[in-house]
mmCIF file of all heavy atoms, coordinates in Angstrom:
data_MODEL
# 
_entry.id   MODEL 
# 
loop_
_atom_site.group_PDB 
_atom_site.id 
_atom_site.type_symbol 
_atom_site.label_atom_id 
_atom_site.label_alt_id 
_atom_site.label_comp_id 
_atom_site.label_asym_id 
_atom_site.label_entity_id 
_atom_site.label_seq_id 
_atom_site.pdbx_PDB_ins_code 
_atom_site.Cartn_x 
_atom_site.Cartn_y 
_atom_site.Cartn_z 
_atom_site.occupancy 
_atom_site.B_iso_or_equiv 
_atom_site.pdbx_formal_charge 
_atom_site.auth_seq_id 
_atom_site.auth_comp_id 
_atom_site.auth_asym_id 
_atom_site.auth_atom_id 
_atom_site.pdbx_PDB_model_num 
ATOM 1   N N   . LEU A 1 1  ? 401.777 126.008 11.830 1.00 0.00 ? 1  LEU A N   1 
ATOM 2   C CA  . LEU A 1 1  ? 400.345 126.323 11.768 1.00 0.00 ? 1  LEU A CA  1 
ATOM 3   C C   . LEU A 1 1  ? 399.539 125.707 12.839 1.00 0.00 ? 1  LEU A C   1 
ATOM 4   O O   . LEU A 1 1  ? 398.700 126.317 13.530 1.00 0.00 ? 1  LEU A O   1 
ATOM 5   C CB  . LEU A 1 1  ? 399.788 125.961 10.368 1.00 0.00 ? 1  LEU A CB  1 
ATOM 6   C CG  . LEU A 1 1  ? 400.420 126.615 9.177  1.00 0.00 ? 1  LEU A CG  1 
ATOM 7   C CD1 . LEU A 1 1  ? 399.844 126.044 7.906  1.00 0.00 ? 1  LEU A CD1 1 
ATOM 8   C CD2 . LEU A 1 1  ? 400.120 128.117 9.196  1.00 0.00 ? 1  LEU A CD2 1 
ATOM 9   N N   . ARG A 1 2  ? 399.813 124.396 13.156 1.00 0.00 ? 2  ARG A N   1 
ATOM 10  C CA  . ARG A 1 2  ? 399.185 123.760 14.275 1.00 0.00 ? 2  ARG A CA  1 
ATOM 11  C C   . ARG A 1 2  ? 399.484 124.398 15.598 1.00 0.00 ? 2  ARG A C   1 
ATOM 12  O O   . ARG A 1 2  ? 398.597 124.588 16.427 1.00 0.00 ? 2  ARG A O   1 
ATOM 13  C CB  . ARG A 1 2  ? 399.636 122.232 14.284 1.00 0.00 ? 2  ARG A CB  1 
ATOM 14  C CG  . ARG A 1 2  ? 399.008 121.440 15.411 1.00 0.00 ? 2  ARG A CG  1 
ATOM 15  C CD  . ARG A 1 2  ? 399.902 120.294 15.757 1.00 0.00 ? 2  ARG A CD  1 
ATOM 16  N NE  . ARG A 1 2  ? 401.155 120.637 16.292 1.00 0.00 ? 2  ARG A NE  1 
ATOM 17  C CZ  . ARG A 1 2  ? 402.163 119.863 16.581 1.00 0.00 ? 2  ARG A CZ  1 
ATOM 18  N NH1 . ARG A 1 2  ? 402.044 118.547 16.452 1.00 0.00 ? 2  ARG A NH1 1 
ATOM 19  N NH2 . ARG A 1 2  ? 403.319 120.322 17.074 1.00 0.00 ? 2  ARG A NH2 1 
ATOM 20  N N   . ASN A 1 3  ? 400.733 124.719 15.832 1.00 0.00 ? 3  ASN A N   1 
ATOM 21  C CA  . ASN A 1 3  ? 401.176 125.330 17.111 1.00 0.00 ? 3  ASN A CA  1 
ATOM 22  C C   . ASN A 1 3  ? 400.483 126.716 17.273 1.00 0.00 ? 3  ASN A C   1 
ATOM 23  O O   . ASN A 1 3  ? 400.075 127.061 18.406 1.00 0.00 ? 3  ASN A O   1 
ATOM 24  C CB  . ASN A 1 3  ? 402.647 125.457 17.197 1.00 0.00 ? 3  ASN A CB  1 
ATOM 25  C CG  . ASN A 1 3  ? 403.311 124.055 17.274 1.00 0.00 ? 3  ASN A CG  1 
ATOM 26  O OD1 . ASN A 1 3  ? 402.689 123.132 17.622 1.00 0.00 ? 3  ASN A OD1 1 
ATOM 27  N ND2 . ASN A 1 3  ? 404.620 124.034 17.050 1.00 0.00 ? 3  ASN A ND2 1 
ATOM 28  N N   . ASP A 1 4  ? 400.393 127.489 16.181 1.00 0.00 ? 4  ASP A N   1 
ATOM 29  C CA  . ASP A 1 4  ? 399.764 128.769 16.200 1.00 0.00 ? 4  ASP A CA  1 
ATOM 30  C C   . ASP A 1 4  ? 398.270 128.591 16.581 1.00 0.00 ? 4  ASP A C   1 
ATOM 31  O O   . ASP A 1 4  ? 397.707 129.380 17.355 1.00 0.00 ? 4  ASP A O   1 
ATOM 32  C CB  . ASP A 1 4  ? 399.957 129.454 14.860 1.00 0.00 ? 4  ASP A CB  1 
ATOM 33  C CG  . ASP A 1 4  ? 399.387 130.854 14.919 1.00 0.00 ? 4  ASP A CG  1 
ATOM 34  O OD1 . ASP A 1 4  ? 399.792 131.632 15.837 1.00 0.00 ? 4  ASP A OD1 1 
ATOM 35  O OD2 . ASP A 1 4  ? 398.605 131.244 14.080 1.00 0.00 ? 4  ASP A OD2 1 
ATOM 36  N N   . PHE A 1 5  ? 397.630 127.626 16.006 1.00 0.00 ? 5  PHE A N   1 
ATOM 37  C CA  . PHE A 1 5  ? 396.205 127.366 16.278 1.00 0.00 ? 5  PHE A CA  1 
ATOM 38  C C   . PHE A 1 5  ? 395.983 126.998 17.746 1.00 0.00 ? 5  PHE A C   1 
ATOM 39  O O   . PHE A 1 5  ? 395.100 127.505 18.422 1.00 0.00 ? 5  PHE A O   1 
ATOM 40  C CB  . PHE A 1 5  ? 395.676 126.244 15.331 1.00 0.00 ? 5  PHE A CB  1 
ATOM 41  C CG  . PHE A 1 5  ? 394.305 125.772 15.710 1.00 0.00 ? 5  PHE A CG  1 
ATOM 42  C CD1 . PHE A 1 5  ? 393.193 126.484 15.334 1.00 0.00 ? 5  PHE A CD1 1 
ATOM 43  C CD2 . PHE A 1 5  ? 394.171 124.574 16.426 1.00 0.00 ? 5  PHE A CD2 1 
ATOM 44  C CE1 . PHE A 1 5  ? 391.945 126.013 15.723 1.00 0.00 ? 5  PHE A CE1 1 
ATOM 45  C CE2 . PHE A 1 5  ? 392.892 124.091 16.714 1.00 0.00 ? 5  PHE A CE2 1 
ATOM 46  C CZ  . PHE A 1 5  ? 391.804 124.804 16.388 1.00 0.00 ? 5  PHE A CZ  1 
ATOM 47  N N   . LEU A 1 6  ? 396.842 126.101 18.250 1.00 0.00 ? 6  LEU A N   1 
ATOM 48  C CA  . LEU A 1 6  ? 396.738 125.648 19.634 1.00 0.00 ? 6  LEU A CA  1 
ATOM 49  C C   . LEU A 1 6  ? 396.984 126.800 20.588 1.00 0.00 ? 6  LEU A C   1 
ATOM 50  O O   . LEU A 1 6  ? 396.337 126.937 21.660 1.00 0.00 ? 6  LEU A O   1 
ATOM 51  C CB  . LEU A 1 6  ? 397.717 124.507 19.923 1.00 0.00 ? 6  LEU A CB  1 
ATOM 52  C CG  . LEU A 1 6  ? 397.411 123.183 19.281 1.00 0.00 ? 6  LEU A CG  1 
ATOM 53  C CD1 . LEU A 1 6  ? 398.535 122.184 19.498 1.00 0.00 ? 6  LEU A CD1 1 
ATOM 54  C CD2 . LEU A 1 6  ? 396.064 122.607 19.742 1.00 0.00 ? 6  LEU A CD2 1 
ATOM 55  N N   . GLN A 1 7  ? 397.933 127.705 20.245 1.00 0.00 ? 7  GLN A N   1 
ATOM 56  C CA  . GLN A 1 7  ? 398.236 128.845 21.113 1.00 0.00 ? 7  GLN A CA  1 
ATOM 57  C C   . GLN A 1 7  ? 397.077 129.778 21.199 1.00 0.00 ? 7  GLN A C   1 
ATOM 58  O O   . GLN A 1 7  ? 396.719 130.376 22.247 1.00 0.00 ? 7  GLN A O   1 
ATOM 59  C CB  . GLN A 1 7  ? 399.502 129.560 20.634 1.00 0.00 ? 7  GLN A CB  1 
ATOM 60  C CG  . GLN A 1 7  ? 400.139 130.460 21.608 1.00 0.00 ? 7  GLN A CG  1 
ATOM 61  C CD  . GLN A 1 7  ? 401.452 130.959 21.236 1.00 0.00 ? 7  GLN A CD  1 
ATOM 62  O OE1 . GLN A 1 7  ? 401.776 130.921 20.061 1.00 0.00 ? 7  GLN A OE1 1 
ATOM 63  N NE2 . GLN A 1 7  ? 402.239 131.460 22.130 1.00 0.00 ? 7  GLN A NE2 1 
ATOM 64  N N   . ARG A 1 8  ? 396.333 129.986 20.036 1.00 0.00 ? 8  ARG A N   1 
ATOM 65  C CA  . ARG A 1 8  ? 395.159 130.882 20.055 1.00 0.00 ? 8  ARG A CA  1 
ATOM 66  C C   . ARG A 1 8  ? 394.003 130.257 20.883 1.00 0.00 ? 8  ARG A C   1 
ATOM 67  O O   . ARG A 1 8  ? 393.189 130.965 21.403 1.00 0.00 ? 8  ARG A O   1 
ATOM 68  C CB  . ARG A 1 8  ? 394.687 131.099 18.605 1.00 0.00 ? 8  ARG A CB  1 
ATOM 69  C CG  . ARG A 1 8  ? 395.576 132.019 17.815 1.00 0.00 ? 8  ARG A CG  1 
ATOM 70  C CD  . ARG A 1 8  ? 394.851 132.577 16.598 1.00 0.00 ? 8  ARG A CD  1 
ATOM 71  N NE  . ARG A 1 8  ? 394.359 131.486 15.745 1.00 0.00 ? 8  ARG A NE  1 
ATOM 72  C CZ  . ARG A 1 8  ? 395.051 131.014 14.731 1.00 0.00 ? 8  ARG A CZ  1 
ATOM 73  N NH1 . ARG A 1 8  ? 396.276 131.425 14.431 1.00 0.00 ? 8  ARG A NH1 1 
ATOM 74  N NH2 . ARG A 1 8  ? 394.536 130.049 13.980 1.00 0.00 ? 8  ARG A NH2 1 
ATOM 75  N N   . LYS A 1 9  ? 394.008 128.918 21.004 1.00 0.00 ? 9  LYS A N   1 
ATOM 76  C CA  . LYS A 1 9  ? 393.024 128.269 21.819 1.00 0.00 ? 9  LYS A CA  1 
ATOM 77  C C   . LYS A 1 9  ? 393.321 128.225 23.320 1.00 0.00 ? 9  LYS A C   1 
ATOM 78  O O   . LYS A 1 9  ? 392.562 127.689 24.051 1.00 0.00 ? 9  LYS A O   1 
ATOM 79  C CB  . LYS A 1 9  ? 392.808 126.824 21.314 1.00 0.00 ? 9  LYS A CB  1 
ATOM 80  C CG  . LYS A 1 9  ? 392.204 126.667 19.944 1.00 0.00 ? 9  LYS A CG  1 
ATOM 81  C CD  . LYS A 1 9  ? 390.747 127.136 19.916 1.00 0.00 ? 9  LYS A CD  1 
ATOM 82  C CE  . LYS A 1 9  ? 390.102 126.988 18.544 1.00 0.00 ? 9  LYS A CE  1 
ATOM 83  N NZ  . LYS A 1 9  ? 388.724 127.377 18.535 1.00 0.00 ? 9  LYS A NZ  1 
ATOM 84  N N   . GLY A 1 10 ? 394.496 128.756 23.629 1.00 0.00 ? 10 GLY A N   1 
ATOM 85  C CA  . GLY A 1 10 ? 394.912 128.846 25.063 1.00 0.00 ? 10 GLY A CA  1 
ATOM 86  C C   . GLY A 1 10 ? 395.825 127.674 25.514 1.00 0.00 ? 10 GLY A C   1 
ATOM 87  O O   . GLY A 1 10 ? 396.141 127.612 26.700 1.00 0.00 ? 10 GLY A O   1 
ATOM 88  N N   . VAL A 1 11 ? 396.229 126.820 24.586 1.00 0.00 ? 11 VAL A N   1 
ATOM 89  C CA  . VAL A 1 11 ? 397.164 125.736 24.922 1.00 0.00 ? 11 VAL A CA  1 
ATOM 90  C C   . VAL A 1 11 ? 398.553 126.323 24.843 1.00 0.00 ? 11 VAL A C   1 
ATOM 91  O O   . VAL A 1 11 ? 399.026 126.801 23.824 1.00 0.00 ? 11 VAL A O   1 
ATOM 92  C CB  . VAL A 1 11 ? 396.962 124.525 23.914 1.00 0.00 ? 11 VAL A CB  1 
ATOM 93  C CG1 . VAL A 1 11 ? 397.991 123.447 24.300 1.00 0.00 ? 11 VAL A CG1 1 
ATOM 94  C CG2 . VAL A 1 11 ? 395.557 124.034 23.988 1.00 0.00 ? 11 VAL A CG2 1 
ATOM 95  N N   . GLY A 1 12 ? 399.320 126.164 25.974 1.00 0.00 ? 12 GLY A N   1 
ATOM 96  C CA  . GLY A 1 12 ? 400.640 126.742 25.993 1.00 0.00 ? 12 GLY A CA  1 
ATOM 97  C C   . GLY A 1 12 ? 401.596 125.869 25.180 1.00 0.00 ? 12 GLY A C   1 
ATOM 98  O O   . GLY A 1 12 ? 401.475 124.630 25.110 1.00 0.00 ? 12 GLY A O   1 
ATOM 99  N N   . LEU A 1 13 ? 402.586 126.491 24.574 1.00 0.00 ? 13 LEU A N   1 
ATOM 100 C CA  . LEU A 1 13 ? 403.550 125.785 23.811 1.00 0.00 ? 13 LEU A CA  1 
ATOM 101 C C   . LEU A 1 13 ? 404.507 125.028 24.767 1.00 0.00 ? 13 LEU A C   1 
ATOM 102 O O   . LEU A 1 13 ? 404.792 125.496 25.867 1.00 0.00 ? 13 LEU A O   1 
ATOM 103 C CB  . LEU A 1 13 ? 404.403 126.729 22.955 1.00 0.00 ? 13 LEU A CB  1 
ATOM 104 C CG  . LEU A 1 13 ? 403.639 127.442 21.835 1.00 0.00 ? 13 LEU A CG  1 
ATOM 105 C CD1 . LEU A 1 13 ? 404.526 128.392 21.088 1.00 0.00 ? 13 LEU A CD1 1 
ATOM 106 C CD2 . LEU A 1 13 ? 403.073 126.421 20.873 1.00 0.00 ? 13 LEU A CD2 1 
ATOM 107 N N   . PRO A 1 14 ? 404.990 123.859 24.424 1.00 0.00 ? 14 PRO A N   1 
ATOM 108 C CA  . PRO A 1 14 ? 405.900 123.153 25.316 1.00 0.00 ? 14 PRO A CA  1 
ATOM 109 C C   . PRO A 1 14 ? 407.190 123.899 25.461 1.00 0.00 ? 14 PRO A C   1 
ATOM 110 O O   . PRO A 1 14 ? 407.773 124.496 24.546 1.00 0.00 ? 14 PRO A O   1 
ATOM 111 C CB  . PRO A 1 14 ? 406.125 121.820 24.541 1.00 0.00 ? 14 PRO A CB  1 
ATOM 112 C CG  . PRO A 1 14 ? 405.824 122.131 23.083 1.00 0.00 ? 14 PRO A CG  1 
ATOM 113 C CD  . PRO A 1 14 ? 404.755 123.134 23.169 1.00 0.00 ? 14 PRO A CD  1 
ATOM 114 N N   . LYS A 1 15 ? 407.731 123.870 26.700 1.00 0.00 ? 15 LYS A N   1 
ATOM 115 C CA  . LYS A 1 15 ? 408.978 124.540 27.018 1.00 0.00 ? 15 LYS A CA  1 
ATOM 116 C C   . LYS A 1 15 ? 410.181 123.580 26.683 1.00 0.00 ? 15 LYS A C   1 
ATOM 117 O O   . LYS A 1 15 ? 410.073 122.394 26.865 1.00 0.00 ? 15 LYS A O   1 
ATOM 118 C CB  . LYS A 1 15 ? 409.006 124.920 28.485 1.00 0.00 ? 15 LYS A CB  1 
ATOM 119 C CG  . LYS A 1 15 ? 407.979 125.991 28.828 1.00 0.00 ? 15 LYS A CG  1 
ATOM 120 C CD  . LYS A 1 15 ? 408.122 126.391 30.294 1.00 0.00 ? 15 LYS A CD  1 
ATOM 121 C CE  . LYS A 1 15 ? 407.080 127.462 30.669 1.00 0.00 ? 15 LYS A CE  1 
ATOM 122 N NZ  . LYS A 1 15 ? 407.194 127.804 32.054 1.00 0.00 ? 15 LYS A NZ  1 
ATOM 123 N N   . ALA A 1 16 ? 411.276 124.173 26.298 1.00 0.00 ? 16 ALA A N   1 
ATOM 124 C CA  . ALA A 1 16 ? 412.498 123.421 25.995 1.00 0.00 ? 16 ALA A CA  1 
ATOM 125 C C   . ALA A 1 16 ? 413.045 122.883 27.308 1.00 0.00 ? 16 ALA A C   1 
ATOM 126 O O   . ALA A 1 16 ? 413.054 123.612 28.316 1.00 0.00 ? 16 ALA A O   1 
ATOM 127 C CB  . ALA A 1 16 ? 413.540 124.251 25.259 1.00 0.00 ? 16 ALA A CB  1 
ATOM 128 N N   . THR A 1 17 ? 413.458 121.663 27.293 1.00 0.00 ? 17 THR A N   1 
ATOM 129 C CA  . THR A 1 17 ? 414.072 121.055 28.470 1.00 0.00 ? 17 THR A CA  1 
ATOM 130 C C   . THR A 1 17 ? 415.532 121.506 28.603 1.00 0.00 ? 17 THR A C   1 
ATOM 131 O O   . THR A 1 17 ? 416.281 121.443 27.610 1.00 0.00 ? 17 THR A O   1 
ATOM 132 C CB  . THR A 1 17 ? 414.029 119.488 28.389 1.00 0.00 ? 17 THR A CB  1 
ATOM 133 O OG1 . THR A 1 17 ? 412.714 119.123 28.277 1.00 0.00 ? 17 THR A OG1 1 
ATOM 134 C CG2 . THR A 1 17 ? 414.682 118.900 29.670 1.00 0.00 ? 17 THR A CG2 1 
ATOM 135 N N   . SER A 1 18 ? 415.949 121.973 29.788 1.00 0.00 ? 18 SER A N   1 
ATOM 136 C CA  . SER A 1 18 ? 417.294 122.424 29.974 1.00 0.00 ? 18 SER A CA  1 
ATOM 137 C C   . SER A 1 18 ? 418.141 121.189 30.146 1.00 0.00 ? 18 SER A C   1 
ATOM 138 O O   . SER A 1 18 ? 417.932 120.350 30.993 1.00 0.00 ? 18 SER A O   1 
ATOM 139 C CB  . SER A 1 18 ? 417.372 123.263 31.252 1.00 0.00 ? 18 SER A CB  1 
ATOM 140 O OG  . SER A 1 18 ? 418.707 123.619 31.504 1.00 0.00 ? 18 SER A OG  1 
ATOM 141 N N   . THR A 1 19 ? 419.201 121.099 29.298 1.00 0.00 ? 19 THR A N   1 
ATOM 142 C CA  . THR A 1 19 ? 420.140 120.007 29.441 1.00 0.00 ? 19 THR A CA  1 
ATOM 143 C C   . THR A 1 19 ? 421.465 120.504 29.977 1.00 0.00 ? 19 THR A C   1 
ATOM 144 O O   . THR A 1 19 ? 421.845 121.680 29.684 1.00 0.00 ? 19 THR A O   1 
ATOM 145 C CB  . THR A 1 19 ? 420.330 119.288 28.091 1.00 0.00 ? 19 THR A CB  1 
ATOM 146 O OG1 . THR A 1 19 ? 420.819 120.307 27.123 1.00 0.00 ? 19 THR A OG1 1 
ATOM 147 C CG2 . THR A 1 19 ? 419.039 118.717 27.598 1.00 0.00 ? 19 THR A CG2 1 
ATOM 148 N N   . GLY A 1 20 ? 422.185 119.707 30.640 1.00 0.00 ? 20 GLY A N   1 
ATOM 149 C CA  . GLY A 1 20 ? 423.414 120.142 31.266 1.00 0.00 ? 20 GLY A CA  1 
ATOM 150 C C   . GLY A 1 20 ? 424.639 119.238 30.986 1.00 0.00 ? 20 GLY A C   1 
ATOM 151 O O   . GLY A 1 20 ? 424.444 118.039 30.970 1.00 0.00 ? 20 GLY A O   1 
ATOM 152 N N   . THR A 1 21 ? 425.749 119.855 30.593 1.00 0.00 ? 21 THR A N   1 
ATOM 153 C CA  . THR A 1 21 ? 426.982 119.112 30.322 1.00 0.00 ? 21 THR A CA  1 
ATOM 154 C C   . THR A 1 21 ? 428.118 120.144 30.178 1.00 0.00 ? 21 THR A C   1 
ATOM 155 O O   . THR A 1 21 ? 427.869 121.264 29.915 1.00 0.00 ? 21 THR A O   1 
ATOM 156 C CB  . THR A 1 21 ? 426.816 118.340 28.972 1.00 0.00 ? 21 THR A CB  1 
ATOM 157 O OG1 . THR A 1 21 ? 426.048 117.215 29.187 1.00 0.00 ? 21 THR A OG1 1 
ATOM 158 C CG2 . THR A 1 21 ? 428.133 117.864 28.401 1.00 0.00 ? 21 THR A CG2 1 
ATOM 159 N N   . THR A 1 22 ? 429.323 119.652 30.386 1.00 0.00 ? 22 THR A N   1 
ATOM 160 C CA  . THR A 1 22 ? 430.495 120.419 30.032 1.00 0.00 ? 22 THR A CA  1 
ATOM 161 C C   . THR A 1 22 ? 431.403 119.538 29.200 1.00 0.00 ? 22 THR A C   1 
ATOM 162 O O   . THR A 1 22 ? 431.877 118.474 29.646 1.00 0.00 ? 22 THR A O   1 
ATOM 163 C CB  . THR A 1 22 ? 431.304 120.881 31.256 1.00 0.00 ? 22 THR A CB  1 
ATOM 164 O OG1 . THR A 1 22 ? 430.412 121.668 32.087 1.00 0.00 ? 22 THR A OG1 1 
ATOM 165 C CG2 . THR A 1 22 ? 432.503 121.697 30.884 1.00 0.00 ? 22 THR A CG2 1 
ATOM 166 N N   . ILE A 1 23 ? 431.566 119.866 27.892 1.00 0.00 ? 23 ILE A N   1 
ATOM 167 C CA  . ILE A 1 23 ? 432.484 119.137 27.031 1.00 0.00 ? 23 ILE A CA  1 
ATOM 168 C C   . ILE A 1 23 ? 433.429 120.104 26.399 1.00 0.00 ? 23 ILE A C   1 
ATOM 169 O O   . ILE A 1 23 ? 433.097 121.218 26.058 1.00 0.00 ? 23 ILE A O   1 
ATOM 170 C CB  . ILE A 1 23 ? 431.726 118.307 25.920 1.00 0.00 ? 23 ILE A CB  1 
ATOM 171 C CG1 . ILE A 1 23 ? 430.764 119.214 25.114 1.00 0.00 ? 23 ILE A CG1 1 
ATOM 172 C CG2 . ILE A 1 23 ? 431.030 117.170 26.482 1.00 0.00 ? 23 ILE A CG2 1 
ATOM 173 C CD1 . ILE A 1 23 ? 430.152 118.568 23.915 1.00 0.00 ? 23 ILE A CD1 1 
ATOM 174 N N   . VAL A 1 24 ? 434.746 119.685 26.335 1.00 0.00 ? 24 VAL A N   1 
ATOM 175 C CA  . VAL A 1 24 ? 435.769 120.635 25.850 1.00 0.00 ? 24 VAL A CA  1 
ATOM 176 C C   . VAL A 1 24 ? 436.764 119.847 24.983 1.00 0.00 ? 24 VAL A C   1 
ATOM 177 O O   . VAL A 1 24 ? 436.731 118.652 24.907 1.00 0.00 ? 24 VAL A O   1 
ATOM 178 C CB  . VAL A 1 24 ? 436.506 121.236 27.051 1.00 0.00 ? 24 VAL A CB  1 
ATOM 179 C CG1 . VAL A 1 24 ? 435.607 121.896 28.028 1.00 0.00 ? 24 VAL A CG1 1 
ATOM 180 C CG2 . VAL A 1 24 ? 437.411 120.168 27.767 1.00 0.00 ? 24 VAL A CG2 1 
ATOM 181 N N   . GLY A 1 25 ? 437.616 120.614 24.270 1.00 0.00 ? 25 GLY A N   1 
ATOM 182 C CA  . GLY A 1 25 ? 438.683 120.047 23.481 1.00 0.00 ? 25 GLY A CA  1 
ATOM 183 C C   . GLY A 1 25 ? 439.736 121.106 23.217 1.00 0.00 ? 25 GLY A C   1 
ATOM 184 O O   . GLY A 1 25 ? 439.377 122.279 23.158 1.00 0.00 ? 25 GLY A O   1 
ATOM 185 N N   . CYS A 1 26 ? 440.976 120.661 23.059 1.00 0.00 ? 26 CYS A N   1 
ATOM 186 C CA  . CYS A 1 26 ? 441.998 121.646 22.632 1.00 0.00 ? 26 CYS A CA  1 
ATOM 187 C C   . CYS A 1 26 ? 443.076 120.920 21.818 1.00 0.00 ? 26 CYS A C   1 
ATOM 188 O O   . CYS A 1 26 ? 443.289 119.704 21.944 1.00 0.00 ? 26 CYS A O   1 
ATOM 189 C CB  . CYS A 1 26 ? 442.634 122.312 23.893 1.00 0.00 ? 26 CYS A CB  1 
ATOM 190 S SG  . CYS A 1 26 ? 443.820 121.344 24.846 1.00 0.00 ? 26 CYS A SG  1 
ATOM 191 N N   . VAL A 1 27 ? 443.744 121.726 21.017 1.00 0.00 ? 27 VAL A N   1 
ATOM 192 C CA  . VAL A 1 27 ? 444.830 121.160 20.191 1.00 0.00 ? 27 VAL A CA  1 
ATOM 193 C C   . VAL A 1 27 ? 446.123 121.333 20.929 1.00 0.00 ? 27 VAL A C   1 
ATOM 194 O O   . VAL A 1 27 ? 446.390 122.364 21.644 1.00 0.00 ? 27 VAL A O   1 
ATOM 195 C CB  . VAL A 1 27 ? 444.909 121.978 18.846 1.00 0.00 ? 27 VAL A CB  1 
ATOM 196 C CG1 . VAL A 1 27 ? 446.086 121.491 18.026 1.00 0.00 ? 27 VAL A CG1 1 
ATOM 197 C CG2 . VAL A 1 27 ? 443.621 121.861 18.114 1.00 0.00 ? 27 VAL A CG2 1 
ATOM 198 N N   . PHE A 1 28 ? 447.045 120.279 20.918 1.00 0.00 ? 28 PHE A N   1 
ATOM 199 C CA  . PHE A 1 28 ? 448.345 120.408 21.493 1.00 0.00 ? 28 PHE A CA  1 
ATOM 200 C C   . PHE A 1 28 ? 449.349 119.986 20.475 1.00 0.00 ? 28 PHE A C   1 
ATOM 201 O O   . PHE A 1 28 ? 449.006 119.799 19.318 1.00 0.00 ? 28 PHE A O   1 
ATOM 202 C CB  . PHE A 1 28 ? 448.462 119.605 22.820 1.00 0.00 ? 28 PHE A CB  1 
ATOM 203 C CG  . PHE A 1 28 ? 448.528 118.124 22.626 1.00 0.00 ? 28 PHE A CG  1 
ATOM 204 C CD1 . PHE A 1 28 ? 449.759 117.476 22.805 1.00 0.00 ? 28 PHE A CD1 1 
ATOM 205 C CD2 . PHE A 1 28 ? 447.427 117.389 22.316 1.00 0.00 ? 28 PHE A CD2 1 
ATOM 206 C CE1 . PHE A 1 28 ? 449.835 116.117 22.636 1.00 0.00 ? 28 PHE A CE1 1 
ATOM 207 C CE2 . PHE A 1 28 ? 447.519 115.963 22.219 1.00 0.00 ? 28 PHE A CE2 1 
ATOM 208 C CZ  . PHE A 1 28 ? 448.697 115.335 22.365 1.00 0.00 ? 28 PHE A CZ  1 
ATOM 209 N N   . LYS A 1 29 ? 450.605 119.936 20.847 1.00 0.00 ? 29 LYS A N   1 
ATOM 210 C CA  . LYS A 1 29 ? 451.715 119.783 19.895 1.00 0.00 ? 29 LYS A CA  1 
ATOM 211 C C   . LYS A 1 29 ? 451.518 118.538 19.009 1.00 0.00 ? 29 LYS A C   1 
ATOM 212 O O   . LYS A 1 29 ? 451.812 118.585 17.780 1.00 0.00 ? 29 LYS A O   1 
ATOM 213 C CB  . LYS A 1 29 ? 452.996 119.718 20.622 1.00 0.00 ? 29 LYS A CB  1 
ATOM 214 C CG  . LYS A 1 29 ? 454.280 119.683 19.734 1.00 0.00 ? 29 LYS A CG  1 
ATOM 215 C CD  . LYS A 1 29 ? 455.517 119.715 20.513 1.00 0.00 ? 29 LYS A CD  1 
ATOM 216 C CE  . LYS A 1 29 ? 455.723 118.464 21.285 1.00 0.00 ? 29 LYS A CE  1 
ATOM 217 N NZ  . LYS A 1 29 ? 457.069 118.387 21.894 1.00 0.00 ? 29 LYS A NZ  1 
ATOM 218 N N   . ASP A 1 30 ? 451.066 117.441 19.575 1.00 0.00 ? 30 ASP A N   1 
ATOM 219 C CA  . ASP A 1 30 ? 451.057 116.127 18.809 1.00 0.00 ? 30 ASP A CA  1 
ATOM 220 C C   . ASP A 1 30 ? 449.597 115.687 18.443 1.00 0.00 ? 30 ASP A C   1 
ATOM 221 O O   . ASP A 1 30 ? 449.512 114.656 17.897 1.00 0.00 ? 30 ASP A O   1 
ATOM 222 C CB  . ASP A 1 30 ? 451.678 115.070 19.728 1.00 0.00 ? 30 ASP A CB  1 
ATOM 223 C CG  . ASP A 1 30 ? 453.193 115.360 19.972 1.00 0.00 ? 30 ASP A CG  1 
ATOM 224 O OD1 . ASP A 1 30 ? 453.865 115.846 19.063 1.00 0.00 ? 30 ASP A OD1 1 
ATOM 225 O OD2 . ASP A 1 30 ? 453.567 115.141 21.104 1.00 0.00 ? 30 ASP A OD2 1 
# 
């Protein structure tokens, strides 16, 4: 409700920060 009110007043919503990483995993025999 607060964010909707601020947006109607012309205040832009904060943008999500882009985060970067590569993480992986796999199963092997053991």
